[in-house]
């Protein structure tokens, strides 16, 4: 299923490209090997941590297992960029490079 989605589904949030096409032209930086996504422990990180998340039918996204945010039902089934600024402790959510929501995130 994952292979099918990554190679055949063209997404508006990726300018009509499939996830595979988008990733092939993007420099992807990976988290440290000891990073656990179930906790948002940013003590060792500086800058921003970015997540690409699908907005569920309910209008929510999940950043980590315990962090769920209401983005809005009008964005359902779209991918958004959720970016945590570690220094300011803010979560900014973007759709097509436009800021649509901002949350405190500590």
Protein backbone atom coordinates (compact mmCIF):
# COMPACT_ATOMS: atom_id res chain seq x y z
CA UNK A 1 0.00 0.00 0.00
CA UNK A 2 2.77 2.45 0.94
CA UNK A 3 4.58 1.85 -2.36
CA UNK A 4 1.37 2.48 -4.28
CA UNK A 5 0.68 5.74 -2.45
CA UNK A 6 4.26 7.00 -2.81
CA UNK A 7 4.42 6.27 -6.54
CA UNK A 8 0.92 6.92 -7.90
CA UNK A 9 -0.92 9.48 -5.76
CA UNK A 10 -0.32 13.04 -6.93
CA UNK A 11 -0.79 15.48 -4.07
CA UNK A 12 -1.78 19.14 -4.33
CA UNK A 13 0.48 20.00 -1.37
CA UNK A 14 3.45 18.68 -3.38
CA UNK A 15 2.59 20.69 -6.51
CA UNK A 16 0.94 17.69 -8.15
CA UNK A 17 3.94 15.40 -7.66
CA UNK A 18 3.91 11.99 -6.05
CA UNK A 19 5.76 11.69 -2.73
CA UNK A 20 8.48 9.74 -4.53
CA UNK A 21 8.92 12.42 -7.21
CA UNK A 22 9.03 15.16 -4.60
CA UNK A 23 11.57 13.30 -2.43
CA UNK A 24 13.86 12.56 -5.39
CA UNK A 25 14.54 16.30 -5.84
CA UNK A 26 14.74 17.21 -2.16
CA UNK A 27 17.63 16.93 0.24
CA UNK A 28 16.23 14.97 3.16
CA UNK A 29 17.91 15.36 6.53
CA UNK A 30 17.21 12.54 8.95
CA UNK A 31 16.84 12.75 12.72
CA UNK A 32 19.62 11.32 14.91
CA UNK A 33 19.44 7.55 15.31
CA UNK A 34 18.60 7.87 19.00
CA UNK A 35 15.59 10.17 18.33
CA UNK A 36 12.26 8.72 19.40
CA UNK A 37 9.16 10.11 17.70
CA UNK A 38 6.92 9.14 20.61
CA UNK A 39 8.30 11.99 22.73
CA UNK A 40 9.11 15.54 21.76
CA UNK A 41 12.42 15.87 23.53
CA UNK A 42 14.17 18.73 21.74
CA UNK A 43 16.79 19.51 24.38
CA UNK A 44 19.64 18.55 22.09
CA UNK A 45 18.27 20.12 18.91
CA UNK A 46 18.56 23.65 17.61
CA UNK A 47 16.61 25.28 14.84
CA UNK A 48 13.46 23.74 13.42
CA UNK A 49 12.11 20.22 13.22
CA UNK A 50 9.76 19.63 10.29
CA UNK A 51 7.02 17.05 9.91
CA UNK A 52 4.79 16.36 6.94
CA UNK A 53 1.41 15.25 8.22
CA UNK A 54 -1.92 14.27 6.70
CA UNK A 55 -4.87 16.19 8.10
CA UNK A 56 -7.40 13.57 9.12
CA UNK A 57 -11.13 13.69 8.41
CA UNK A 58 -11.62 15.19 11.88
CA UNK A 59 -9.34 18.11 10.95
CA UNK A 60 -6.54 17.03 13.32
CA UNK A 61 -2.89 16.15 12.85
CA UNK A 62 -0.65 14.12 15.13
CA UNK A 63 2.92 15.26 15.66
CA UNK A 64 3.94 12.66 18.25
CA UNK A 65 1.92 10.01 20.04
CA UNK A 66 0.69 12.53 22.64
CA UNK A 67 0.54 15.69 20.52
CA UNK A 68 -2.60 16.18 18.47
CA UNK A 69 -3.61 19.54 17.03
CA UNK A 70 -6.86 20.75 15.45
CA UNK A 71 -6.05 22.30 12.11
CA UNK A 72 -9.59 22.50 10.72
CA UNK A 73 -11.94 20.22 8.82
CA UNK A 74 -11.63 22.32 5.68
CA UNK A 75 -8.05 20.98 5.36
CA UNK A 76 -9.02 17.29 5.66
CA UNK A 77 -7.10 14.81 3.49
CA UNK A 78 -4.41 17.36 2.64
CA UNK A 79 -0.77 17.16 3.62
CA UNK A 80 0.64 20.02 5.67
CA UNK A 81 4.10 21.01 6.82
CA UNK A 82 4.21 21.20 10.61
CA UNK A 83 7.37 22.94 11.75
CA UNK A 84 8.51 23.18 15.36
CA UNK A 85 10.77 26.14 16.13
CA UNK A 86 12.77 24.84 19.08
CA UNK A 87 13.98 28.25 20.26
CA UNK A 88 10.57 29.98 20.30
CA UNK A 89 8.69 26.78 21.25
CA UNK A 90 6.10 27.28 18.54
CA UNK A 91 4.48 24.88 16.11
CA UNK A 92 3.68 26.51 12.77
CA UNK A 93 1.51 24.67 10.26
CA UNK A 94 1.80 25.50 6.56
CA UNK A 95 -0.26 24.52 3.54
CA UNK A 96 1.37 25.31 0.20
CA UNK A 97 3.89 27.60 1.93
CA UNK A 98 1.11 29.61 3.60
CA UNK A 99 0.94 29.73 7.41
CA UNK A 100 -2.51 28.44 8.39
CA UNK A 101 -2.15 27.79 12.14
CA UNK A 102 0.29 28.43 14.96
CA UNK A 103 0.43 26.80 18.40
CA UNK A 104 2.56 27.04 21.54
CA UNK A 105 4.69 23.88 21.73
CA UNK A 106 6.86 23.10 24.72
